[in-house]
C-alpha atoms as a PDB file:
ATOM      1  CA  MET A   1      -0.331  68.803 -19.857  1.00  0.00           C
ATOM      2  CA  THR A   2       0.004  65.624 -17.858  1.00  0.00           C
ATOM      3  CA  PHE A   3       2.377  62.862 -18.927  1.00  0.00           C
ATOM      4  CA  SER A   4       2.753  60.329 -16.044  1.00  0.00           C
ATOM      5  CA  VAL A   5       2.630  56.685 -15.058  1.00  0.00           C
ATOM      6  CA  THR A   6       0.956  55.210 -11.991  1.00  0.00           C
ATOM      7  CA  ILE A   7       2.068  51.854 -10.874  1.00  0.00           C
ATOM      8  CA  LEU A   8      -0.852  49.548 -10.091  1.00  0.00           C
ATOM      9  CA  GLY A   9       1.206  46.454  -9.692  1.00  0.00           C
ATOM     10  CA  SER A  10       5.085  45.941  -9.335  1.00  0.00           C
ATOM     11  CA  ASN A  11       5.447  42.214  -8.587  1.00  0.00           C
ATOM     12  CA  SER A  12       5.914  39.226 -10.801  1.00  0.00           C
ATOM     13  CA  ALA A  13       3.657  36.069 -10.843  1.00  0.00           C
ATOM     14  CA  ILE A  14       2.796  35.795  -7.167  1.00  0.00           C
ATOM     15  CA  PRO A  15       1.295  38.819  -5.446  1.00  0.00           C
ATOM     16  CA  THR A  16       2.224  39.922  -1.898  1.00  0.00           C
ATOM     17  CA  LEU A  17       0.285  41.971   0.591  1.00  0.00           C
ATOM     18  CA  GLN A  18       2.465  44.909  -0.531  1.00  0.00           C
ATOM     19  CA  ARG A  19       2.791  44.350  -4.253  1.00  0.00           C
ATOM     20  CA  ASN A  20       0.244  43.329  -6.901  1.00  0.00           C
ATOM     21  CA  PRO A  21       1.371  41.754 -10.221  1.00  0.00           C
ATOM     22  CA  SER A  22       1.915  43.774 -13.335  1.00  0.00           C
ATOM     23  CA  ALA A  23      -0.250  46.753 -14.306  1.00  0.00           C
ATOM     24  CA  HIS A  24       0.626  50.346 -15.194  1.00  0.00           C
ATOM     25  CA  LEU A  25      -1.669  53.360 -15.939  1.00  0.00           C
ATOM     26  CA  LEU A  26      -0.308  55.903 -18.290  1.00  0.00           C
ATOM     27  CA  ASN A  27      -1.850  59.392 -18.422  1.00  0.00           C
ATOM     28  CA  ALA A  28      -0.815  60.890 -21.765  1.00  0.00           C
ATOM     29  CA  ASN A  29      -2.321  64.314 -21.957  1.00  0.00           C
ATOM     30  CA  GLU A  30      -5.452  63.188 -20.143  1.00  0.00           C
ATOM     31  CA  ARG A  31      -5.759  60.023 -22.251  1.00  0.00           C
ATOM     32  CA  LEU A  32      -5.681  56.992 -19.999  1.00  0.00           C
ATOM     33  CA  PHE A  33      -3.943  53.809 -21.102  1.00  0.00           C
ATOM     34  CA  LEU A  34      -3.964  50.671 -19.066  1.00  0.00           C
ATOM     35  CA  ILE A  35      -0.862  48.527 -19.677  1.00  0.00           C
ATOM     36  CA  ASP A  36      -1.330  44.929 -18.580  1.00  0.00           C
ATOM     37  CA  CYS A  37      -4.138  43.892 -16.210  1.00  0.00           C
ATOM     38  CA  ALA A  38      -3.101  41.346 -13.605  1.00  0.00           C
ATOM     39  CA  GLU A  39      -5.377  39.827 -11.022  1.00  0.00           C
ATOM     40  CA  GLY A  40      -6.645  42.572  -8.654  1.00  0.00           C
ATOM     41  CA  THR A  41      -6.015  45.495 -10.996  1.00  0.00           C
ATOM     42  CA  GLN A  42      -9.497  46.910 -10.786  1.00  0.00           C
ATOM     43  CA  LEU A  43      -9.149  46.914  -6.989  1.00  0.00           C
ATOM     44  CA  GLN A  44      -5.943  48.847  -7.412  1.00  0.00           C
ATOM     45  CA  LEU A  45      -7.617  51.308  -9.665  1.00  0.00           C
ATOM     46  CA  ARG A  46     -10.216  51.947  -6.899  1.00  0.00           C
ATOM     47  CA  ARG A  47      -7.601  52.041  -4.205  1.00  0.00           C
ATOM     48  CA  PHE A  48      -5.648  54.716  -6.018  1.00  0.00           C
ATOM     49  CA  LYS A  49      -8.750  56.664  -6.949  1.00  0.00           C
ATOM     50  CA  VAL A  50      -8.631  56.274 -10.755  1.00  0.00           C
ATOM     51  CA  HIS A  51     -11.805  56.933 -12.731  1.00  0.00           C
ATOM     52  CA  PHE A  52     -11.509  53.816 -14.765  1.00  0.00           C
ATOM     53  CA  GLN A  53     -14.387  54.601 -17.094  1.00  0.00           C
ATOM     54  CA  ARG A  54     -11.967  57.148 -18.599  1.00  0.00           C
ATOM     55  CA  ILE A  55      -9.631  54.274 -19.830  1.00  0.00           C
ATOM     56  CA  LYS A  56     -10.284  53.799 -23.468  1.00  0.00           C
ATOM     57  CA  HIS A  57      -7.233  51.674 -24.438  1.00  0.00           C
ATOM     58  CA  ILE A  58      -5.734  48.525 -22.875  1.00  0.00           C
ATOM     59  CA  MET A  59      -2.428  47.062 -23.911  1.00  0.00           C
ATOM     60  CA  ILE A  60      -1.618  43.492 -22.873  1.00  0.00           C
ATOM     61  CA  SER A  61       2.043  42.525 -23.346  1.00  0.00           C
ATOM     62  CA  HIS A  62       1.576  38.792 -23.370  1.00  0.00           C
ATOM     63  CA  LEU A  63      -0.519  35.904 -22.129  1.00  0.00           C
ATOM     64  CA  HIS A  64       1.000  34.905 -18.848  1.00  0.00           C
ATOM     65  CA  GLY A  65      -1.574  35.101 -16.123  1.00  0.00           C
ATOM     66  CA  ASP A  66       0.230  37.763 -14.033  1.00  0.00           C
ATOM     67  CA  HIS A  67      -0.358  40.091 -16.973  1.00  0.00           C
ATOM     68  CA  PHE A  68      -3.949  39.426 -17.967  1.00  0.00           C
ATOM     69  CA  TYR A  69      -5.891  37.420 -15.333  1.00  0.00           C
ATOM     70  CA  GLY A  70      -7.597  40.671 -14.149  1.00  0.00           C
ATOM     71  CA  LEU A  71      -8.861  41.549 -17.586  1.00  0.00           C
ATOM     72  CA  ILE A  72     -12.187  39.635 -17.747  1.00  0.00           C
ATOM     73  CA  GLY A  73     -13.230  40.960 -14.336  1.00  0.00           C
ATOM     74  CA  PHE A  74     -12.392  44.467 -15.278  1.00  0.00           C
ATOM     75  CA  LEU A  75     -14.258  44.218 -18.635  1.00  0.00           C
ATOM     76  CA  THR A  76     -17.426  42.766 -17.030  1.00  0.00           C
ATOM     77  CA  SER A  77     -17.310  45.440 -14.160  1.00  0.00           C
ATOM     78  CA  LEU A  78     -17.353  48.109 -16.848  1.00  0.00           C
ATOM     79  CA  HIS A  79     -20.328  46.314 -18.381  1.00  0.00           C
ATOM     80  CA  LEU A  80     -22.127  46.185 -15.002  1.00  0.00           C
ATOM     81  CA  LEU A  81     -21.464  49.814 -14.381  1.00  0.00           C
ATOM     82  CA  GLY A  82     -23.248  50.647 -17.626  1.00  0.00           C
ATOM     83  CA  ARG A  83     -20.315  51.668 -19.858  1.00  0.00           C
ATOM     84  CA  LYS A  84     -21.294  52.945 -23.388  1.00  0.00           C
ATOM     85  CA  ASP A  85     -18.012  54.138 -24.796  1.00  0.00           C
ATOM     86  CA  GLU A  86     -15.992  51.823 -26.938  1.00  0.00           C
ATOM     87  CA  LEU A  87     -12.920  50.142 -25.430  1.00  0.00           C
ATOM     88  CA  HIS A  88      -9.889  49.261 -27.563  1.00  0.00           C
ATOM     89  CA  LEU A  89      -7.818  46.188 -26.630  1.00  0.00           C
ATOM     90  CA  TYR A  90      -4.393  45.459 -28.122  1.00  0.00           C
ATOM     91  CA  ALA A  91      -3.008  41.978 -27.498  1.00  0.00           C
ATOM     92  CA  ASN A  92      -1.928  38.648 -28.930  1.00  0.00           C
ATOM     93  CA  PRO A  93      -4.715  37.234 -31.130  1.00  0.00           C
ATOM     94  CA  GLU A  94      -5.341  34.304 -28.814  1.00  0.00           C
ATOM     95  CA  LEU A  95      -6.694  36.687 -26.120  1.00  0.00           C
ATOM     96  CA  GLN A  96      -9.741  37.440 -28.298  1.00  0.00           C
ATOM     97  CA  GLN A  97     -10.614  33.684 -28.258  1.00  0.00           C
ATOM     98  CA  ILE A  98     -10.108  33.454 -24.576  1.00  0.00           C
ATOM     99  CA  LEU A  99     -12.410  36.365 -23.825  1.00  0.00           C
ATOM    100  CA  GLU A 100     -15.151  35.111 -26.143  1.00  0.00           C
ATOM    101  CA  ILE A 101     -15.084  31.745 -24.281  1.00  0.00           C
ATOM    102  CA  GLN A 102     -15.222  33.470 -20.866  1.00  0.00           C
ATOM    103  CA  LEU A 103     -18.087  35.729 -21.941  1.00  0.00           C
ATOM    104  CA  ALA A 104     -20.022  32.839 -23.650  1.00  0.00           C
ATOM    105  CA  ALA A 105     -19.636  30.684 -20.573  1.00  0.00           C
ATOM    106  CA  SER A 106     -21.210  33.387 -18.366  1.00  0.00           C
ATOM    107  CA  ARG A 107     -23.781  34.297 -21.010  1.00  0.00           C
ATOM    108  CA  THR A 108     -22.552  37.821 -21.010  1.00  0.00           C
ATOM    109  CA  THR A 109     -23.004  40.174 -23.927  1.00  0.00           C
ATOM    110  CA  LEU A 110     -21.033  43.442 -23.312  1.00  0.00           C
ATOM    111  CA  ILE A 111     -23.247  46.532 -23.634  1.00  0.00           C
ATOM    112  CA  TYR A 112     -20.278  48.571 -24.893  1.00  0.00           C
ATOM    113  CA  PRO A 113     -18.133  48.044 -28.066  1.00  0.00           C
ATOM    114  CA  LEU A 114     -14.955  46.132 -27.402  1.00  0.00           C
ATOM    115  CA  ILE A 115     -12.608  46.588 -30.314  1.00  0.00           C
ATOM    116  CA  PHE A 116      -9.735  44.097 -30.601  1.00  0.00           C
ATOM    117  CA  HIS A 117      -6.401  44.928 -32.227  1.00  0.00           C
ATOM    118  CA  PRO A 118      -4.213  41.883 -32.711  1.00  0.00           C
ATOM    119  CA  LEU A 119      -0.446  42.226 -32.116  1.00  0.00           C
ATOM    120  CA  VAL A 120       1.142  40.054 -34.703  1.00  0.00           C
ATOM    121  CA  SER A 121       4.229  41.974 -36.005  1.00  0.00           C
ATOM    122  CA  ASN A 122       7.751  40.959 -35.244  1.00  0.00           C
ATOM    123  CA  ASN A 123       8.883  44.517 -35.792  1.00  0.00           C
ATOM    124  CA  LYS A 124       8.094  47.850 -34.473  1.00  0.00           C
ATOM    125  CA  GLU A 125       4.530  48.713 -35.392  1.00  0.00           C
ATOM    126  CA  LEU A 126       2.405  51.893 -35.122  1.00  0.00           C
ATOM    127  CA  ILE A 127      -0.761  50.656 -33.229  1.00  0.00           C
ATOM    128  CA  TYR A 128      -2.322  53.946 -32.155  1.00  0.00           C
ATOM    129  CA  GLU A 129      -2.170  57.500 -33.422  1.00  0.00           C
ATOM    130  CA  ALA A 130      -4.031  60.652 -32.200  1.00  0.00           C
ATOM    131  CA  GLU A 131      -3.364  64.353 -31.813  1.00  0.00           C
ATOM    132  CA  ARG A 132      -0.033  64.694 -29.942  1.00  0.00           C
ATOM    133  CA  LEU A 133       0.522  60.987 -29.337  1.00  0.00           C
ATOM    134  CA  LYS A 134       1.745  57.902 -31.169  1.00  0.00           C
ATOM    135  CA  VAL A 135       1.949  54.378 -29.698  1.00  0.00           C
ATOM    136  CA  TYR A 136       4.090  51.525 -31.018  1.00  0.00           C
ATOM    137  CA  SER A 137       4.496  47.901 -30.144  1.00  0.00           C
ATOM    138  CA  PHE A 138       7.700  46.052 -30.500  1.00  0.00           C
ATOM    139  CA  PRO A 139       8.821  42.433 -29.940  1.00  0.00           C
ATOM    140  CA  LEU A 140      10.448  41.180 -26.716  1.00  0.00           C
ATOM    141  CA  ILE A 141      12.242  37.937 -25.983  1.00  0.00           C
ATOM    142  CA  HIS A 142      10.260  35.684 -23.652  1.00  0.00           C
ATOM    143  CA  SER A 143       8.837  32.125 -23.458  1.00  0.00           C
ATOM    144  CA  VAL A 144       5.606  33.202 -25.177  1.00  0.00           C
ATOM    145  CA  PRO A 145       4.921  35.929 -27.748  1.00  0.00           C
ATOM    146  CA  THR A 146       5.533  39.215 -25.960  1.00  0.00           C
ATOM    147  CA  HIS A 147       5.319  42.866 -26.987  1.00  0.00           C
ATOM    148  CA  GLY A 148       6.717  46.042 -25.451  1.00  0.00           C
ATOM    149  CA  PHE A 149       5.042  49.457 -25.871  1.00  0.00           C
ATOM    150  CA  LEU A 150       6.485  52.821 -26.794  1.00  0.00           C
ATOM    151  CA  PHE A 151       4.422  55.987 -26.162  1.00  0.00           C
ATOM    152  CA  LEU A 152       5.716  59.041 -27.955  1.00  0.00           C
ATOM    153  CA  GLU A 153       4.294  62.590 -27.492  1.00  0.00           C
ATOM    154  CA  GLN A 154       4.191  64.446 -30.806  1.00  0.00           C
ATOM    155  CA  HIS A 155       5.396  67.997 -31.535  1.00  0.00           C
ATOM    156  CA  HIS A 156       2.781  70.692 -31.035  1.00  0.00           C
ATOM    157  CA  SER A 157       2.796  74.458 -31.178  1.00  0.00           C
ATOM    158  CA  THR A 158       2.607  74.708 -27.420  1.00  0.00           C
ATOM    159  CA  MET A 159       5.684  72.569 -27.094  1.00  0.00           C
ATOM    160  CA  ARG A 160       8.226  75.216 -27.889  1.00  0.00           C
ATOM    161  CA  VAL A 161       9.246  75.436 -24.270  1.00  0.00           C
ATOM    162  CA  ARG A 162       9.996  71.711 -23.969  1.00  0.00           C
ATOM    163  CA  ASN A 163      10.703  68.581 -25.771  1.00  0.00           C
ATOM    164  CA  PRO A 164       8.069  65.841 -26.557  1.00  0.00           C
ATOM    165  CA  ARG A 165       7.985  63.249 -23.748  1.00  0.00           C
ATOM    166  CA  SER A 166       8.315  59.408 -24.140  1.00  0.00           C
ATOM    167  CA  TYR A 167       7.765  56.252 -22.155  1.00  0.00           C
ATOM    168  CA  ALA A 168       8.700  52.666 -23.004  1.00  0.00           C
ATOM    169  CA  TYR A 169       7.331  49.588 -21.266  1.00  0.00           C
ATOM    170  CA  CYS A 170       9.281  46.381 -21.478  1.00  0.00           C
ATOM    171  CA  ALA A 171       7.492  43.653 -19.694  1.00  0.00           C
ATOM    172  CA  ASP A 172       8.882  40.114 -19.296  1.00  0.00           C
ATOM    173  CA  THR A 173      11.915  39.750 -21.389  1.00  0.00           C
ATOM    174  CA  ALA A 174      15.289  38.082 -21.419  1.00  0.00           C
ATOM    175  CA  TYR A 175      18.281  40.460 -21.801  1.00  0.00           C
ATOM    176  CA  SER A 176      18.379  41.483 -25.363  1.00  0.00           C
ATOM    177  CA  GLU A 177      20.163  44.427 -26.994  1.00  0.00           C
ATOM    178  CA  ASP A 178      17.786  44.081 -29.901  1.00  0.00           C
ATOM    179  CA  ILE A 179      15.366  46.346 -28.191  1.00  0.00           C
ATOM    180  CA  ILE A 180      17.805  49.335 -27.986  1.00  0.00           C
ATOM    181  CA  PRO A 181      16.821  50.888 -31.254  1.00  0.00           C
ATOM    182  CA  TYR A 182      13.131  50.905 -30.163  1.00  0.00           C
ATOM    183  CA  ILE A 183      13.778  52.509 -26.765  1.00  0.00           C
ATOM    184  CA  HIS A 184      16.743  54.719 -27.457  1.00  0.00           C
ATOM    185  CA  GLY A 185      16.698  58.009 -25.582  1.00  0.00           C
ATOM    186  CA  VAL A 186      13.237  57.748 -24.037  1.00  0.00           C
ATOM    187  CA  ASP A 187      12.469  59.849 -21.002  1.00  0.00           C
ATOM    188  CA  LEU A 188      11.459  56.892 -18.904  1.00  0.00           C
ATOM    189  CA  LEU A 189      12.112  53.219 -19.522  1.00  0.00           C
ATOM    190  CA  TYR A 190      10.315  50.536 -17.486  1.00  0.00           C
ATOM    191  CA  HIS A 191      12.259  47.354 -17.755  1.00  0.00           C
ATOM    192  CA  GLU A 192      11.526  44.126 -15.796  1.00  0.00           C
ATOM    193  CA  ALA A 193      14.090  43.069 -13.140  1.00  0.00           C
ATOM    194  CA  THR A 194      12.758  39.955 -11.727  1.00  0.00           C
ATOM    195  CA  PHE A 195      15.952  38.794 -10.120  1.00  0.00           C
ATOM    196  CA  MET A 196      19.298  40.091  -8.770  1.00  0.00           C
ATOM    197  CA  ASN A 197      22.425  39.238 -10.784  1.00  0.00           C
ATOM    198  CA  ASP A 198      23.324  36.331  -8.387  1.00  0.00           C
ATOM    199  CA  MET A 199      20.428  34.583 -10.029  1.00  0.00           C
ATOM    200  CA  ALA A 200      21.451  35.330 -13.625  1.00  0.00           C
ATOM    201  CA  ALA A 201      21.357  31.712 -14.652  1.00  0.00           C
ATOM    202  CA  ASN A 202      17.815  31.392 -13.289  1.00  0.00           C
ATOM    203  CA  ALA A 203      16.805  34.557 -15.119  1.00  0.00           C
ATOM    204  CA  LYS A 204      18.266  33.293 -18.388  1.00  0.00           C
ATOM    205  CA  GLU A 205      16.523  29.931 -18.017  1.00  0.00           C
ATOM    206  CA  LYS A 206      13.155  31.594 -17.335  1.00  0.00           C
ATOM    207  CA  MET A 207      13.783  34.338 -20.016  1.00  0.00           C
ATOM    208  CA  HIS A 208      13.681  37.172 -17.516  1.00  0.00           C
ATOM    209  CA  SER A 209      16.143  39.859 -16.664  1.00  0.00           C
ATOM    210  CA  THR A 210      18.170  40.871 -13.595  1.00  0.00           C
ATOM    211  CA  ALA A 211      18.500  44.339 -12.163  1.00  0.00           C
ATOM    212  CA  LEU A 212      21.956  44.609 -13.473  1.00  0.00           C
ATOM    213  CA  GLU A 213      20.880  43.608 -16.984  1.00  0.00           C
ATOM    214  CA  ALA A 214      17.975  46.137 -16.980  1.00  0.00           C
ATOM    215  CA  ALA A 215      20.466  48.836 -16.051  1.00  0.00           C
ATOM    216  CA  THR A 216      22.821  47.797 -18.752  1.00  0.00           C
ATOM    217  CA  ILE A 217      20.103  48.103 -21.345  1.00  0.00           C
ATOM    218  CA  ALA A 218      19.156  51.520 -19.982  1.00  0.00           C
ATOM    219  CA  SER A 219      22.778  52.660 -20.214  1.00  0.00           C
ATOM    220  CA  LYS A 220      23.349  51.427 -23.765  1.00  0.00           C
ATOM    221  CA  ALA A 221      20.021  52.887 -24.899  1.00  0.00           C
ATOM    222  CA  GLN A 222      20.915  56.278 -23.339  1.00  0.00           C
ATOM    223  CA  VAL A 223      17.552  56.631 -21.717  1.00  0.00           C
ATOM    224  CA  LYS A 224      16.957  59.529 -19.255  1.00  0.00           C
ATOM    225  CA  LYS A 225      15.533  57.488 -16.375  1.00  0.00           C
ATOM    226  CA  LEU A 226      15.004  53.743 -15.663  1.00  0.00           C
ATOM    227  CA  MET A 227      12.243  52.210 -13.552  1.00  0.00           C
ATOM    228  CA  ILE A 228      12.680  48.514 -12.610  1.00  0.00           C
ATOM    229  CA  GLY A 229       9.778  46.208 -11.600  1.00  0.00           C
ATOM    230  CA  HIS A 230       8.261  42.736 -11.982  1.00  0.00           C
ATOM    231  CA  PHE A 231      10.004  41.730  -8.686  1.00  0.00           C
ATOM    232  CA  SER A 232      10.153  38.139  -7.623  1.00  0.00           C
ATOM    233  CA  ALA A 233       8.157  37.560  -4.487  1.00  0.00           C
ATOM    234  CA  ARG A 234      11.336  36.193  -2.796  1.00  0.00           C
ATOM    235  CA  TYR A 235      12.475  39.811  -2.264  1.00  0.00           C
ATOM    236  CA  ASP A 236      10.949  41.456   0.701  1.00  0.00           C
ATOM    237  CA  ASP A 237      13.490  44.266   0.592  1.00  0.00           C
ATOM    238  CA  LEU A 238      13.928  45.869  -2.852  1.00  0.00           C
ATOM    239  CA  GLN A 239      16.827  48.157  -1.883  1.00  0.00           C
ATOM    240  CA  PRO A 240      19.465  45.628  -3.040  1.00  0.00           C
ATOM    241  CA  LEU A 241      17.917  45.378  -6.506  1.00  0.00           C
ATOM    242  CA  LEU A 242      17.932  49.181  -6.692  1.00  0.00           C
ATOM    243  CA  ASP A 243      21.498  49.389  -5.535  1.00  0.00           C
ATOM    244  CA  GLU A 244      22.518  46.751  -8.155  1.00  0.00           C
ATOM    245  CA  ALA A 245      20.907  48.674 -10.954  1.00  0.00           C
ATOM    246  CA  ARG A 246      22.204  52.112  -9.806  1.00  0.00           C
ATOM    247  CA  SER A 247      25.830  50.609  -9.829  1.00  0.00           C
ATOM    248  CA  VAL A 248      25.462  50.694 -13.709  1.00  0.00           C
ATOM    249  CA  PHE A 249      22.746  53.309 -14.152  1.00  0.00           C
ATOM    250  CA  PRO A 250      22.436  55.845 -11.333  1.00  0.00           C
ATOM    251  CA  GLU A 251      19.123  57.286 -12.671  1.00  0.00           C
ATOM    252  CA  THR A 252      17.062  54.287 -11.565  1.00  0.00           C
ATOM    253  CA  ILE A 253      13.953  54.127  -9.485  1.00  0.00           C
ATOM    254  CA  LEU A 254      11.802  51.369  -8.195  1.00  0.00           C
ATOM    255  CA  ALA A 255       8.285  50.630  -9.422  1.00  0.00           C
ATOM    256  CA  VAL A 256       6.176  51.040  -6.227  1.00  0.00           C
ATOM    257  CA  ASP A 257       2.476  50.222  -6.058  1.00  0.00           C
ATOM    258  CA  GLY A 258       0.404  53.474  -5.834  1.00  0.00           C
ATOM    259  CA  GLU A 259       3.275  55.798  -6.841  1.00  0.00           C
ATOM    260  CA  LYS A 260       2.914  58.228  -9.786  1.00  0.00           C
ATOM    261  CA  THR A 261       5.934  59.286 -11.723  1.00  0.00           C
ATOM    262  CA  ASP A 262       5.903  62.371 -13.923  1.00  0.00           C
ATOM    263  CA  ILE A 263       7.708  61.680 -17.202  1.00  0.00           C
ATOM    264  CA  GLY A 264      10.077  64.200 -18.654  1.00  0.00           C
ATOM    265  CA  LYS A 265      10.920  65.929 -15.480  1.00  0.00           C
END
C-alpha cells in the first residue's frame, strides 16, 4: 500500500518561478491529505496530475499567508466542480471566521459539507483516526499559534513483513527540542530550514530554523530520514543548505516541488 508525500510547494513566504510556498500532499494507503495550502496550490495539484476531488482532509499548520492563502480558491473550485463529498478542515479556530467572511462576501454557499475541526490544544492531540491510520497535532514554536502533524500507520494483519510507517510535518518553527518526543523515530521528518546557519540570529528573531538546526533535531529525535524545506527566496542554489544539514544528519533530502518520496523505504 502507498505511503508517500508529494511536495507541492517548498519555498517560504515569497514564491519563485521554481518553488511555490508551502503545501504537501500525503497519500496514506490511498487516503489523500493536503497539508497547508499556499497561494497556487490548486495549480500545483493540476500540474502534478493529482485528482484533488479525492482529498477529504486538509490540515493548516498556522495562519501565515504562505500556508493558507490558496485555501479559499481551492474550496470554491471544488464547489464549482460540483463536489458532493464532505471535506474536513483542521486549523486554528480563527480560520473558520476568515472563510465565513470570504464566502459571505462572494455570496457563495458551498454545495458540499465543510466540516471544521479547531486546533486548540497545547499538547499532542489525536485529530483523526481510521482503519490503519492515526493523525495527531502537536504545538510548534512560532510567532502565531502553529501546529505540526504526525501521521502514524497502524498495525494490521498484512503488516507482518514490515513495520508501520510514519511521517511528521513541522512547519514554521523556531529551534525547539520540546518537539522531540512527538516525532521520535519517525520514518520521515519534514522540518523547516528557512535559512543557513550564518543567519541563525535572523532565524531566531523570526522564529524560524536553520538547516543545521533542523538536522540537529532530526539527529536527537533519531528519525530515519529528514526532509528540509520552507526555503528563503534568497537561495537560488539549495545545495549549500543540503550540505549544511548533512554535516550533522547524513540522511537528509531537499523538498523539491513535484517530487514524490516514498516513506519507510
